[in-house]
Amino acid sequence: MSDRRQLGRGLGALIPTAPVVDITETAQSAARYQEVAPGRIRPNPQQPRKIFDEAAHGELVHSIRQIGLLQPVVVRRLTPAVPEADFEIIAGERRWRACQEAGITRLPVIIRQTSDDALLQEALLENLHRANLNPLEEAAAYNQLLHDFSCTQEQLAGRLGRSRSQVANSIRLLKLPTGVQRRVAAGVLSAGHARALLGLQDPAEMDRLAARIVAEGLSVRDVEEIVAVGGEEPTKRRRTTRGGRQVPVEYQAVADRLSERLETRVVVTPGSKKGRIVIDFGGVDDLARIVDFLEGSSSLPE
């Protein structure tokens, strides 16, 4: 799978390389989005942080390998450029380091060309209304505005015409385990499902329940009820065909195995002469992910 397909958009969708998003000419000159080789970027020599938590770094590397980088690194262009780099990091050195370890060859960056933080912040907030982001990308955009551009939750909520709790609940999605985040990014798990999962304390339980949501088509209310009783898993419902007949156990077992491996809902329906396998996908990128997996699989998932 290519680096570009793995990269999340986040704030990158709000500052396109071409004038697709409707922002003012002044705002466009404030910053622009680009993908550059990590080796052409150098850390800020004035960076106050010298020690990076190894456990947190490892988690970030794993997350980037799984779902890509959702929050671009903020850089400035070195003028004149030095032999070893074209850009210098303003914010995001931890992300830059993790991307290199994760093997990302094209790093999403926001190139700032002005010190007018207020102008850039205003342009980003304005375009957050228009960008077609998935819930995880939206949460990442909010989070980056808060941390990289000194924006408060109250300011963000007021500018977008939303409540502070809506913004806070969106940002909470970034606390989900990587496997759950991947399903949300793919579009096979809704933001409502994801928020319900946050009621569980154990990341492993969140992963297990997320897999059930996708495989069994559980509603948000179903998930809320399961979480309310501490994540206990009641007996799985036997799926039925349109005619009301129960699907044989062996067919359901295959559907469950495929669903777990493909990380999406799979329905196996028997017929008198032919059966059907229906695979759900969340969008073009998710379809490409599933096709890549199927093309690389030589046998049925065990």
C-alpha atoms as a PDB file:
ATOM      1  CA  MET A   1       0.000   0.000   0.000  1.00  0.00           C
ATOM      2  CA  SER A   2       1.434   3.388  -0.924  1.00  0.00           C
ATOM      3  CA  ASP A   3       2.442   6.036   1.618  1.00  0.00           C
ATOM      4  CA  ARG A   4      -0.102   8.442   0.112  1.00  0.00           C
ATOM      5  CA  ARG A   5      -2.979   6.016   0.700  1.00  0.00           C
ATOM      6  CA  GLN A   6      -1.851   5.501   4.300  1.00  0.00           C
ATOM      7  CA  LEU A   7      -1.573   9.174   5.144  1.00  0.00           C
ATOM      8  CA  GLY A   8      -4.490  10.749   6.930  1.00  0.00           C
ATOM      9  CA  ARG A   9      -5.585  14.227   5.898  1.00  0.00           C
ATOM     10  CA  GLY A  10      -6.463  16.137   9.077  1.00  0.00           C
ATOM     11  CA  LEU A  11      -5.291  19.720   8.676  1.00  0.00           C
ATOM     12  CA  GLY A  12      -3.801  18.783   5.317  1.00  0.00           C
ATOM     13  CA  ALA A  13      -7.328  18.782   3.891  1.00  0.00           C
ATOM     14  CA  LEU A  14      -7.800  22.341   5.092  1.00  0.00           C
ATOM     15  CA  ILE A  15      -4.686  23.699   3.349  1.00  0.00           C
ATOM     16  CA  PRO A  16      -4.650  22.094  -0.129  1.00  0.00           C
ATOM     17  CA  THR A  17      -1.742  22.415  -2.525  1.00  0.00           C
ATOM     18  CA  ALA A  18      -4.165  23.810  -5.135  1.00  0.00           C
ATOM     19  CA  PRO A  19      -6.882  26.431  -4.458  1.00  0.00           C
ATOM     20  CA  VAL A  20      -9.666  23.870  -4.019  1.00  0.00           C
ATOM     21  CA  VAL A  21     -10.798  25.127  -0.631  1.00  0.00           C
ATOM     22  CA  ASP A  22     -12.298  28.603  -0.579  1.00  0.00           C
ATOM     23  CA  ILE A  23      -9.902  30.690   1.481  1.00  0.00           C
ATOM     24  CA  THR A  24      -8.661  34.209   0.935  1.00  0.00           C
ATOM     25  CA  GLU A  25      -5.507  34.954  -1.033  1.00  0.00           C
ATOM     26  CA  THR A  26      -3.963  36.361   2.125  1.00  0.00           C
ATOM     27  CA  ALA A  27      -4.736  33.201   4.045  1.00  0.00           C
ATOM     28  CA  GLN A  28      -3.293  31.052   1.263  1.00  0.00           C
ATOM     29  CA  SER A  29      -0.037  32.940   1.565  1.00  0.00           C
ATOM     30  CA  ALA A  30      -0.020  32.209   5.308  1.00  0.00           C
ATOM     31  CA  ALA A  31       0.509  28.469   4.913  1.00  0.00           C
ATOM     32  CA  ARG A  32       0.327  25.644   2.429  1.00  0.00           C
ATOM     33  CA  TYR A  33       0.270  21.862   2.513  1.00  0.00           C
ATOM     34  CA  GLN A  34       2.930  19.683   0.916  1.00  0.00           C
ATOM     35  CA  GLU A  35       4.438  16.207   1.192  1.00  0.00           C
ATOM     36  CA  VAL A  36       8.233  16.143   1.467  1.00  0.00           C
ATOM     37  CA  ALA A  37      10.948  13.606   2.179  1.00  0.00           C
ATOM     38  CA  PRO A  38      11.623  13.438   5.951  1.00  0.00           C
ATOM     39  CA  GLY A  39      15.347  13.679   5.229  1.00  0.00           C
ATOM     40  CA  ARG A  40      14.902  17.208   3.866  1.00  0.00           C
ATOM     41  CA  ILE A  41      13.611  18.390   7.254  1.00  0.00           C
ATOM     42  CA  ARG A  42      15.735  19.192  10.270  1.00  0.00           C
ATOM     43  CA  PRO A  43      14.648  19.597  13.900  1.00  0.00           C
ATOM     44  CA  ASN A  44      14.626  23.025  15.484  1.00  0.00           C
ATOM     45  CA  PRO A  45      17.946  23.498  17.317  1.00  0.00           C
ATOM     46  CA  GLN A  46      16.047  25.574  19.899  1.00  0.00           C
ATOM     47  CA  GLN A  47      13.620  22.713  20.638  1.00  0.00           C
ATOM     48  CA  PRO A  48      13.284  22.689  24.439  1.00  0.00           C
ATOM     49  CA  ARG A  49      12.325  18.998  24.555  1.00  0.00           C
ATOM     50  CA  LYS A  50      15.421  16.814  24.461  1.00  0.00           C
ATOM     51  CA  ILE A  51      14.037  13.566  25.919  1.00  0.00           C
ATOM     52  CA  PHE A  52      11.159  11.706  24.233  1.00  0.00           C
ATOM     53  CA  ASP A  53       9.174   9.032  26.076  1.00  0.00           C
ATOM     54  CA  GLU A  54      10.136   5.687  24.500  1.00  0.00           C
ATOM     55  CA  ALA A  55       6.813   3.950  25.195  1.00  0.00           C
ATOM     56  CA  ALA A  56       4.781   6.826  23.750  1.00  0.00           C
ATOM     57  CA  HIS A  57       7.149   6.976  20.772  1.00  0.00           C
ATOM     58  CA  GLY A  58       6.658   3.269  20.080  1.00  0.00           C
ATOM     59  CA  GLU A  59       2.872   3.641  20.239  1.00  0.00           C
ATOM     60  CA  LEU A  60       3.013   6.539  17.769  1.00  0.00           C
ATOM     61  CA  VAL A  61       5.208   4.558  15.350  1.00  0.00           C
ATOM     62  CA  HIS A  62       2.728   1.655  15.483  1.00  0.00           C
ATOM     63  CA  SER A  63      -0.220   3.998  14.928  1.00  0.00           C
ATOM     64  CA  ILE A  64       1.447   5.627  11.903  1.00  0.00           C
ATOM     65  CA  ARG A  65       2.188   2.225  10.368  1.00  0.00           C
ATOM     66  CA  GLN A  66      -1.446   1.216  10.830  1.00  0.00           C
ATOM     67  CA  ILE A  67      -3.419   4.330   9.853  1.00  0.00           C
ATOM     68  CA  GLY A  68      -0.882   6.908   8.722  1.00  0.00           C
ATOM     69  CA  LEU A  69      -0.094  10.345  10.127  1.00  0.00           C
ATOM     70  CA  LEU A  70      -3.258  12.338  10.772  1.00  0.00           C
ATOM     71  CA  GLN A  71      -1.551  15.487  12.058  1.00  0.00           C
ATOM     72  CA  PRO A  72       0.952  17.084   9.641  1.00  0.00           C
ATOM     73  CA  VAL A  73       4.236  18.437  10.941  1.00  0.00           C
ATOM     74  CA  VAL A  74       4.450  22.240  10.905  1.00  0.00           C
ATOM     75  CA  VAL A  75       7.641  23.561   9.299  1.00  0.00           C
ATOM     76  CA  ARG A  76       9.218  26.723   7.937  1.00  0.00           C
ATOM     77  CA  ARG A  77      11.313  26.950   4.780  1.00  0.00           C
ATOM     78  CA  LEU A  78      15.002  27.588   5.392  1.00  0.00           C
ATOM     79  CA  THR A  79      16.113  30.655   3.448  1.00  0.00           C
ATOM     80  CA  PRO A  80      18.656  30.070   2.140  1.00  0.00           C
ATOM     81  CA  ALA A  81      18.425  26.284   2.265  1.00  0.00           C
ATOM     82  CA  VAL A  82      21.317  24.419   3.869  1.00  0.00           C
ATOM     83  CA  PRO A  83      22.964  21.372   2.232  1.00  0.00           C
ATOM     84  CA  GLU A  84      21.304  18.898   4.595  1.00  0.00           C
ATOM     85  CA  ALA A  85      17.756  20.319   4.698  1.00  0.00           C
ATOM     86  CA  ASP A  86      15.175  22.582   3.078  1.00  0.00           C
ATOM     87  CA  PHE A  87      12.822  22.917   6.063  1.00  0.00           C
ATOM     88  CA  GLU A  88      12.996  23.323   9.829  1.00  0.00           C
ATOM     89  CA  ILE A  89      10.401  21.983  12.258  1.00  0.00           C
ATOM     90  CA  ILE A  90       8.192  24.459  14.086  1.00  0.00           C
ATOM     91  CA  ALA A  91       5.926  21.866  15.711  1.00  0.00           C
ATOM     92  CA  GLY A  92       5.806  18.098  15.502  1.00  0.00           C
ATOM     93  CA  GLU A  93       9.331  16.772  16.042  1.00  0.00           C
ATOM     94  CA  ARG A  94       7.962  13.654  17.772  1.00  0.00           C
ATOM     95  CA  ARG A  95       5.755  12.948  14.737  1.00  0.00           C
ATOM     96  CA  TRP A  96       8.706  13.533  12.380  1.00  0.00           C
ATOM     97  CA  ARG A  97      10.892  11.079  14.304  1.00  0.00           C
ATOM     98  CA  ALA A  98       8.126   8.460  14.430  1.00  0.00           C
ATOM     99  CA  CYS A  99       7.423   8.752  10.683  1.00  0.00           C
ATOM    100  CA  GLN A 100      11.066   8.065   9.884  1.00  0.00           C
ATOM    101  CA  GLU A 101      11.048   4.952  12.042  1.00  0.00           C
ATOM    102  CA  ALA A 102       7.721   3.866  10.513  1.00  0.00           C
ATOM    103  CA  GLY A 103       9.281   4.043   7.053  1.00  0.00           C
ATOM    104  CA  ILE A 104       7.170   6.922   5.710  1.00  0.00           C
ATOM    105  CA  THR A 105       8.954   8.317   2.644  1.00  0.00           C
ATOM    106  CA  ARG A 106       6.665  11.305   2.004  1.00  0.00           C
ATOM    107  CA  LEU A 107       5.825  13.303   5.123  1.00  0.00           C
ATOM    108  CA  PRO A 108       2.750  15.594   5.190  1.00  0.00           C
ATOM    109  CA  VAL A 109       3.746  19.077   6.334  1.00  0.00           C
ATOM    110  CA  ILE A 110       2.218  22.507   6.702  1.00  0.00           C
ATOM    111  CA  ILE A 111       4.688  25.135   5.491  1.00  0.00           C
ATOM    112  CA  ARG A 112       4.122  28.370   7.380  1.00  0.00           C
ATOM    113  CA  GLN A 113       5.176  31.515   5.597  1.00  0.00           C
ATOM    114  CA  THR A 114       4.091  34.089   8.129  1.00  0.00           C
ATOM    115  CA  SER A 115       4.292  34.685  11.855  1.00  0.00           C
ATOM    116  CA  ASP A 116       0.675  35.860  11.926  1.00  0.00           C
ATOM    117  CA  ASP A 117      -0.772  32.969  13.965  1.00  0.00           C
ATOM    118  CA  ALA A 118      -4.196  34.588  14.217  1.00  0.00           C
ATOM    119  CA  LEU A 119      -4.583  34.788  10.429  1.00  0.00           C
ATOM    120  CA  LEU A 120      -3.589  31.164   9.912  1.00  0.00           C
ATOM    121  CA  GLN A 121      -5.823  29.979  12.735  1.00  0.00           C
ATOM    122  CA  GLU A 122      -8.769  31.882  11.264  1.00  0.00           C
ATOM    123  CA  ALA A 123      -8.208  30.345   7.816  1.00  0.00           C
ATOM    124  CA  LEU A 124      -8.050  26.827   9.249  1.00  0.00           C
ATOM    125  CA  LEU A 125     -11.171  27.259  11.352  1.00  0.00           C
ATOM    126  CA  GLU A 126     -13.070  28.712   8.419  1.00  0.00           C
ATOM    127  CA  ASN A 127     -12.189  25.766   6.223  1.00  0.00           C
ATOM    128  CA  LEU A 128     -12.940  23.168   8.862  1.00  0.00           C
ATOM    129  CA  HIS A 129     -16.605  23.878   8.027  1.00  0.00           C
ATOM    130  CA  ARG A 130     -16.065  22.875   4.401  1.00  0.00           C
ATOM    131  CA  ALA A 131     -13.618  19.967   4.558  1.00  0.00           C
ATOM    132  CA  ASN A 132     -15.066  16.490   4.135  1.00  0.00           C
ATOM    133  CA  LEU A 133     -13.166  14.815   6.971  1.00  0.00           C
ATOM    134  CA  ASN A 134     -13.961  11.489   8.584  1.00  0.00           C
ATOM    135  CA  PRO A 135     -14.510  11.621  12.395  1.00  0.00           C
ATOM    136  CA  LEU A 136     -10.912  10.659  13.165  1.00  0.00           C
ATOM    137  CA  GLU A 137      -9.444  13.230  10.777  1.00  0.00           C
ATOM    138  CA  GLU A 138     -11.731  15.883  12.241  1.00  0.00           C
ATOM    139  CA  ALA A 139     -10.587  14.970  15.752  1.00  0.00           C
ATOM    140  CA  ALA A 140      -6.951  15.165  14.639  1.00  0.00           C
ATOM    141  CA  ALA A 141      -7.547  18.584  13.071  1.00  0.00           C
ATOM    142  CA  TYR A 142      -9.122  19.860  16.286  1.00  0.00           C
ATOM    143  CA  ASN A 143      -6.265  18.468  18.344  1.00  0.00           C
ATOM    144  CA  GLN A 144      -3.613  20.008  16.146  1.00  0.00           C
ATOM    145  CA  LEU A 145      -5.291  23.409  16.264  1.00  0.00           C
ATOM    146  CA  LEU A 146      -5.311  23.210  20.046  1.00  0.00           C
ATOM    147  CA  HIS A 147      -1.661  22.238  20.400  1.00  0.00           C
ATOM    148  CA  ASP A 148       0.189  23.701  17.421  1.00  0.00           C
ATOM    149  CA  PHE A 149      -1.754  26.946  17.081  1.00  0.00           C
ATOM    150  CA  SER A 150      -2.596  27.791  20.720  1.00  0.00           C
ATOM    151  CA  CYS A 151      -6.346  27.550  20.185  1.00  0.00           C
ATOM    152  CA  THR A 152      -8.602  26.759  23.154  1.00  0.00           C
ATOM    153  CA  GLN A 153     -11.564  24.383  23.034  1.00  0.00           C
ATOM    154  CA  GLU A 154     -13.877  27.318  23.774  1.00  0.00           C
ATOM    155  CA  GLN A 155     -12.470  29.358  20.875  1.00  0.00           C
ATOM    156  CA  LEU A 156     -12.663  26.397  18.536  1.00  0.00           C
ATOM    157  CA  ALA A 157     -16.225  25.549  19.506  1.00  0.00           C
ATOM    158  CA  GLY A 158     -17.375  29.168  19.261  1.00  0.00           C
ATOM    159  CA  ARG A 159     -15.811  29.671  15.841  1.00  0.00           C
ATOM    160  CA  LEU A 160     -17.433  26.493  14.486  1.00  0.00           C
ATOM    161  CA  GLY A 161     -20.820  27.114  16.094  1.00  0.00           C
ATOM    162  CA  ARG A 162     -20.578  23.943  18.163  1.00  0.00           C
ATOM    163  CA  SER A 163     -20.588  23.245  21.866  1.00  0.00           C
ATOM    164  CA  ARG A 164     -17.342  22.727  23.738  1.00  0.00           C
ATOM    165  CA  SER A 165     -18.530  19.223  24.676  1.00  0.00           C
ATOM    166  CA  GLN A 166     -18.883  18.324  20.975  1.00  0.00           C
ATOM    167  CA  VAL A 167     -15.294  19.363  20.343  1.00  0.00           C
ATOM    168  CA  ALA A 168     -14.090  17.557  23.488  1.00  0.00           C
ATOM    169  CA  ASN A 169     -15.959  14.361  22.575  1.00  0.00           C
ATOM    170  CA  SER A 170     -14.490  14.454  19.096  1.00  0.00           C
ATOM    171  CA  ILE A 171     -10.940  14.770  20.422  1.00  0.00           C
ATOM    172  CA  ARG A 172     -11.563  11.835  22.773  1.00  0.00           C
ATOM    173  CA  LEU A 173     -11.657   9.571  19.683  1.00  0.00           C
ATOM    174  CA  LEU A 174      -7.867   9.926  19.504  1.00  0.00           C
ATOM    175  CA  LYS A 175      -7.660   7.936  22.770  1.00  0.00           C
ATOM    176  CA  LEU A 176      -9.086   4.830  21.092  1.00  0.00           C
ATOM    177  CA  PRO A 177      -6.755   1.882  20.414  1.00  0.00           C
ATOM    178  CA  THR A 178      -5.099   1.872  17.006  1.00  0.00           C
ATOM    179  CA  GLY A 179      -7.240  -1.001  15.735  1.00  0.00           C
ATOM    180  CA  VAL A 180     -10.435   0.859  16.575  1.00  0.00           C
ATOM    181  CA  GLN A 181      -9.117   4.099  15.070  1.00  0.00           C
ATOM    182  CA  ARG A 182      -8.315   2.219  11.866  1.00  0.00           C
ATOM    183  CA  ARG A 183     -11.926   1.036  11.596  1.00  0.00           C
ATOM    184  CA  VAL A 184     -13.229   4.571  12.186  1.00  0.00           C
ATOM    185  CA  ALA A 185     -10.849   5.980   9.546  1.00  0.00           C
ATOM    186  CA  ALA A 186     -11.986   3.306   7.086  1.00  0.00           C
ATOM    187  CA  GLY A 187     -15.616   4.262   7.644  1.00  0.00           C
ATOM    188  CA  VAL A 188     -16.772   0.837   8.845  1.00  0.00           C
ATOM    189  CA  LEU A 189     -17.221   2.117  12.411  1.00  0.00           C
ATOM    190  CA  SER A 190     -19.224   5.275  13.122  1.00  0.00           C
ATOM    191  CA  ALA A 191     -18.266   8.077  15.489  1.00  0.00           C
ATOM    192  CA  GLY A 192     -21.263   7.091  17.643  1.00  0.00           C
ATOM    193  CA  HIS A 193     -19.951   3.548  17.985  1.00  0.00           C
ATOM    194  CA  ALA A 194     -16.473   4.869  18.760  1.00  0.00           C
ATOM    195  CA  ARG A 195     -17.716   7.217  21.478  1.00  0.00           C
ATOM    196  CA  ALA A 196     -19.692   4.371  23.049  1.00  0.00           C
ATOM    197  CA  LEU A 197     -16.544   2.224  23.133  1.00  0.00           C
ATOM    198  CA  LEU A 198     -14.758   4.907  25.148  1.00  0.00           C
ATOM    199  CA  GLY A 199     -16.954   3.846  28.072  1.00  0.00           C
ATOM    200  CA  LEU A 200     -14.732   0.773  28.421  1.00  0.00           C
ATOM    201  CA  GLN A 201     -11.435   1.020  30.295  1.00  0.00           C
ATOM    202  CA  ASP A 202      -9.531  -1.881  28.740  1.00  0.00           C
ATOM    203  CA  PRO A 203      -8.160  -1.244  25.204  1.00  0.00           C
ATOM    204  CA  ALA A 204      -8.305  -4.989  24.491  1.00  0.00           C
ATOM    205  CA  GLU A 205     -12.031  -5.003  25.330  1.00  0.00           C
ATOM    206  CA  MET A 206     -12.535  -2.026  23.012  1.00  0.00           C
ATOM    207  CA  ASP A 207     -10.820  -3.947  20.187  1.00  0.00           C
ATOM    208  CA  ARG A 208     -12.901  -7.063  20.773  1.00  0.00           C
ATOM    209  CA  LEU A 209     -16.169  -5.161  20.885  1.00  0.00           C
ATOM    210  CA  ALA A 210     -15.223  -3.123  17.799  1.00  0.00           C
ATOM    211  CA  ALA A 211     -14.699  -6.369  15.908  1.00  0.00           C
ATOM    212  CA  ARG A 212     -18.155  -7.530  17.005  1.00  0.00           C
ATOM    213  CA  ILE A 213     -19.762  -4.264  15.928  1.00  0.00           C
ATOM    214  CA  VAL A 214     -18.370  -4.688  12.428  1.00  0.00           C
ATOM    215  CA  ALA A 215     -19.041  -8.416  12.162  1.00  0.00           C
ATOM    216  CA  GLU A 216     -22.566  -8.407  13.590  1.00  0.00           C
ATOM    217  CA  GLY A 217     -23.768  -4.953  12.579  1.00  0.00           C
ATOM    218  CA  LEU A 218     -24.449  -3.905  16.175  1.00  0.00           C
ATOM    219  CA  SER A 219     -26.219  -0.570  16.606  1.00  0.00           C
ATOM    220  CA  VAL A 220     -24.886   2.253  18.778  1.00  0.00           C
ATOM    221  CA  ARG A 221     -27.609   1.424  21.312  1.00  0.00           C
ATOM    222  CA  ASP A 222     -26.486  -2.227  21.350  1.00  0.00           C
ATOM    223  CA  VAL A 223     -22.946  -1.104  22.104  1.00  0.00           C
ATOM    224  CA  GLU A 224     -24.078   1.303  24.825  1.00  0.00           C
ATOM    225  CA  GLU A 225     -25.979  -1.530  26.504  1.00  0.00           C
ATOM    226  CA  ILE A 226     -22.967  -3.848  26.368  1.00  0.00           C
ATOM    227  CA  VAL A 227     -20.693  -1.126  27.760  1.00  0.00           C
ATOM    228  CA  ALA A 228     -23.222  -0.343  30.510  1.00  0.00           C
ATOM    229  CA  VAL A 229     -22.820  -3.867  31.893  1.00  0.00           C
ATOM    230  CA  GLY A 230     -19.047  -3.633  31.843  1.00  0.00           C
ATOM    231  CA  GLY A 231     -18.324  -4.954  28.384  1.00  0.00           C
ATOM    232  CA  GLU A 232     -19.684  -8.414  29.079  1.00  0.00           C
ATOM    233  CA  GLU A 233     -20.404 -10.151  25.803  1.00  0.00           C
ATOM    234  CA  PRO A 234     -23.830 -11.740  25.631  1.00  0.00           C
ATOM    235  CA  THR A 235     -24.388 -14.760  23.395  1.00  0.00           C
ATOM    236  CA  LYS A 236     -23.990 -13.790  19.739  1.00  0.00           C
ATOM    237  CA  ARG A 237     -27.189 -13.436  17.813  1.00  0.00           C
ATOM    238  CA  ARG A 238     -27.656 -16.030  15.101  1.00  0.00           C
ATOM    239  CA  ARG A 239     -28.007 -14.294  11.761  1.00  0.00           C
ATOM    240  CA  THR A 240     -30.959 -15.233   9.586  1.00  0.00           C
ATOM    241  CA  THR A 241     -31.593 -15.119   5.841  1.00  0.00           C
ATOM    242  CA  ARG A 242     -34.255 -12.907   4.292  1.00  0.00           C
ATOM    243  CA  GLY A 243     -36.651 -15.835   4.457  1.00  0.00           C
ATOM    244  CA  GLY A 244     -36.209 -16.013   8.223  1.00  0.00           C
ATOM    245  CA  ARG A 245     -34.112 -19.207   8.220  1.00  0.00           C
ATOM    246  CA  GLN A 246     -31.090 -19.314  10.465  1.00  0.00           C
ATOM    247  CA  VAL A 247     -27.731 -19.271   8.712  1.00  0.00           C
ATOM    248  CA  PRO A 248     -25.922 -22.591   9.290  1.00  0.00           C
ATOM    249  CA  VAL A 249     -23.186 -22.395  11.900  1.00  0.00           C
ATOM    250  CA  GLU A 250     -20.424 -23.284   9.426  1.00  0.00           C
ATOM    251  CA  TYR A 251     -21.404 -20.382   7.133  1.00  0.00           C
ATOM    252  CA  GLN A 252     -21.524 -17.954  10.038  1.00  0.00           C
ATOM    253  CA  ALA A 253     -18.125 -19.182  11.226  1.00  0.00           C
ATOM    254  CA  VAL A 254     -16.616 -18.379   7.821  1.00  0.00           C
ATOM    255  CA  ALA A 255     -18.277 -14.947   7.850  1.00  0.00           C
ATOM    256  CA  ASP A 256     -16.858 -14.262  11.319  1.00  0.00           C
ATOM    257  CA  ARG A 257     -13.351 -15.308  10.257  1.00  0.00           C
ATOM    258  CA  LEU A 258     -13.447 -13.153   7.142  1.00  0.00           C
ATOM    259  CA  SER A 259     -14.902 -10.211   9.052  1.00  0.00           C
ATOM    260  CA  GLU A 260     -12.158 -10.361  11.655  1.00  0.00           C
ATOM    261  CA  ARG A 261      -9.388 -10.597   9.073  1.00  0.00           C
ATOM    262  CA  LEU A 262     -10.802  -7.979   6.693  1.00  0.00           C
ATOM    263  CA  GLU A 263     -11.901  -5.680   9.537  1.00  0.00           C
ATOM    264  CA  THR A 264     -15.301  -5.079   8.007  1.00  0.00           C
ATOM    265  CA  ARG A 265     -18.727  -6.698   8.019  1.00  0.00           C
ATOM    266  CA  VAL A 266     -18.961  -9.846   5.900  1.00  0.00           C
ATOM    267  CA  VAL A 267     -22.197 -11.747   5.222  1.00  0.00           C
ATOM    268  CA  VAL A 268     -22.154 -15.299   3.874  1.00  0.00           C
ATOM    269  CA  THR A 269     -25.560 -16.348   2.569  1.00  0.00           C
ATOM    270  CA  PRO A 270     -26.240 -19.925   1.385  1.00  0.00           C
ATOM    271  CA  GLY A 271     -28.596 -20.666  -1.491  1.00  0.00           C
ATOM    272  CA  SER A 272     -30.176 -23.701  -3.128  1.00  0.00           C
ATOM    273  CA  LYS A 273     -27.621 -23.628  -5.966  1.00  0.00           C
ATOM    274  CA  LYS A 274     -25.327 -20.673  -5.309  1.00  0.00           C
ATOM    275  CA  GLY A 275     -24.350 -18.714  -2.242  1.00  0.00           C
ATOM    276  CA  ARG A 276     -23.203 -15.123  -1.817  1.00  0.00           C
ATOM    277  CA  ILE A 277     -20.443 -13.352   0.080  1.00  0.00           C
ATOM    278  CA  VAL A 278     -21.123  -9.659   0.704  1.00  0.00           C
ATOM    279  CA  ILE A 279     -18.229  -7.503   1.970  1.00  0.00           C
ATOM    280  CA  ASP A 280     -18.931  -4.007   3.299  1.00  0.00           C
ATOM    281  CA  PHE A 281     -16.427  -1.210   2.673  1.00  0.00           C
ATOM    282  CA  GLY A 282     -16.287   2.366   3.915  1.00  0.00           C
ATOM    283  CA  GLY A 283     -15.023   4.191   0.835  1.00  0.00           C
ATOM    284  CA  VAL A 284     -12.570   4.046  -2.061  1.00  0.00           C
ATOM    285  CA  ASP A 285      -9.497   3.822   0.185  1.00  0.00           C
ATOM    286  CA  ASP A 286     -11.093   1.117   2.310  1.00  0.00           C
ATOM    287  CA  LEU A 287     -12.050  -0.832  -0.815  1.00  0.00           C
ATOM    288  CA  ALA A 288      -8.454  -0.588  -2.039  1.00  0.00           C
ATOM    289  CA  ARG A 289      -7.257  -1.872   1.352  1.00  0.00           C
ATOM    290  CA  ILE A 290      -9.564  -4.894   1.132  1.00  0.00           C
ATOM    291  CA  VAL A 291      -8.568  -5.626  -2.475  1.00  0.00           C
ATOM    292  CA  ASP A 292      -4.874  -5.384  -1.551  1.00  0.00           C
ATOM    293  CA  PHE A 293      -5.440  -7.875   1.241  1.00  0.00           C
ATOM    294  CA  LEU A 294      -7.410 -10.314  -0.926  1.00  0.00           C
ATOM    295  CA  GLU A 295      -4.854 -10.162  -3.718  1.00  0.00           C
ATOM    296  CA  GLY A 296      -2.110 -10.952  -1.232  1.00  0.00           C
ATOM    297  CA  SER A 297      -3.980 -13.845   0.399  1.00  0.00           C
ATOM    298  CA  SER A 298      -3.423 -17.313  -1.011  1.00  0.00           C
ATOM    299  CA  SER A 299      -5.828 -19.113   1.289  1.00  0.00           C
ATOM    300  CA  LEU A 300      -8.905 -18.601   3.439  1.00  0.00           C
ATOM    301  CA  PRO A 301      -8.152 -16.814   6.738  1.00  0.00           C
ATOM    302  CA  GLU A 302      -7.722 -19.300   9.585  1.00  0.00           C
END
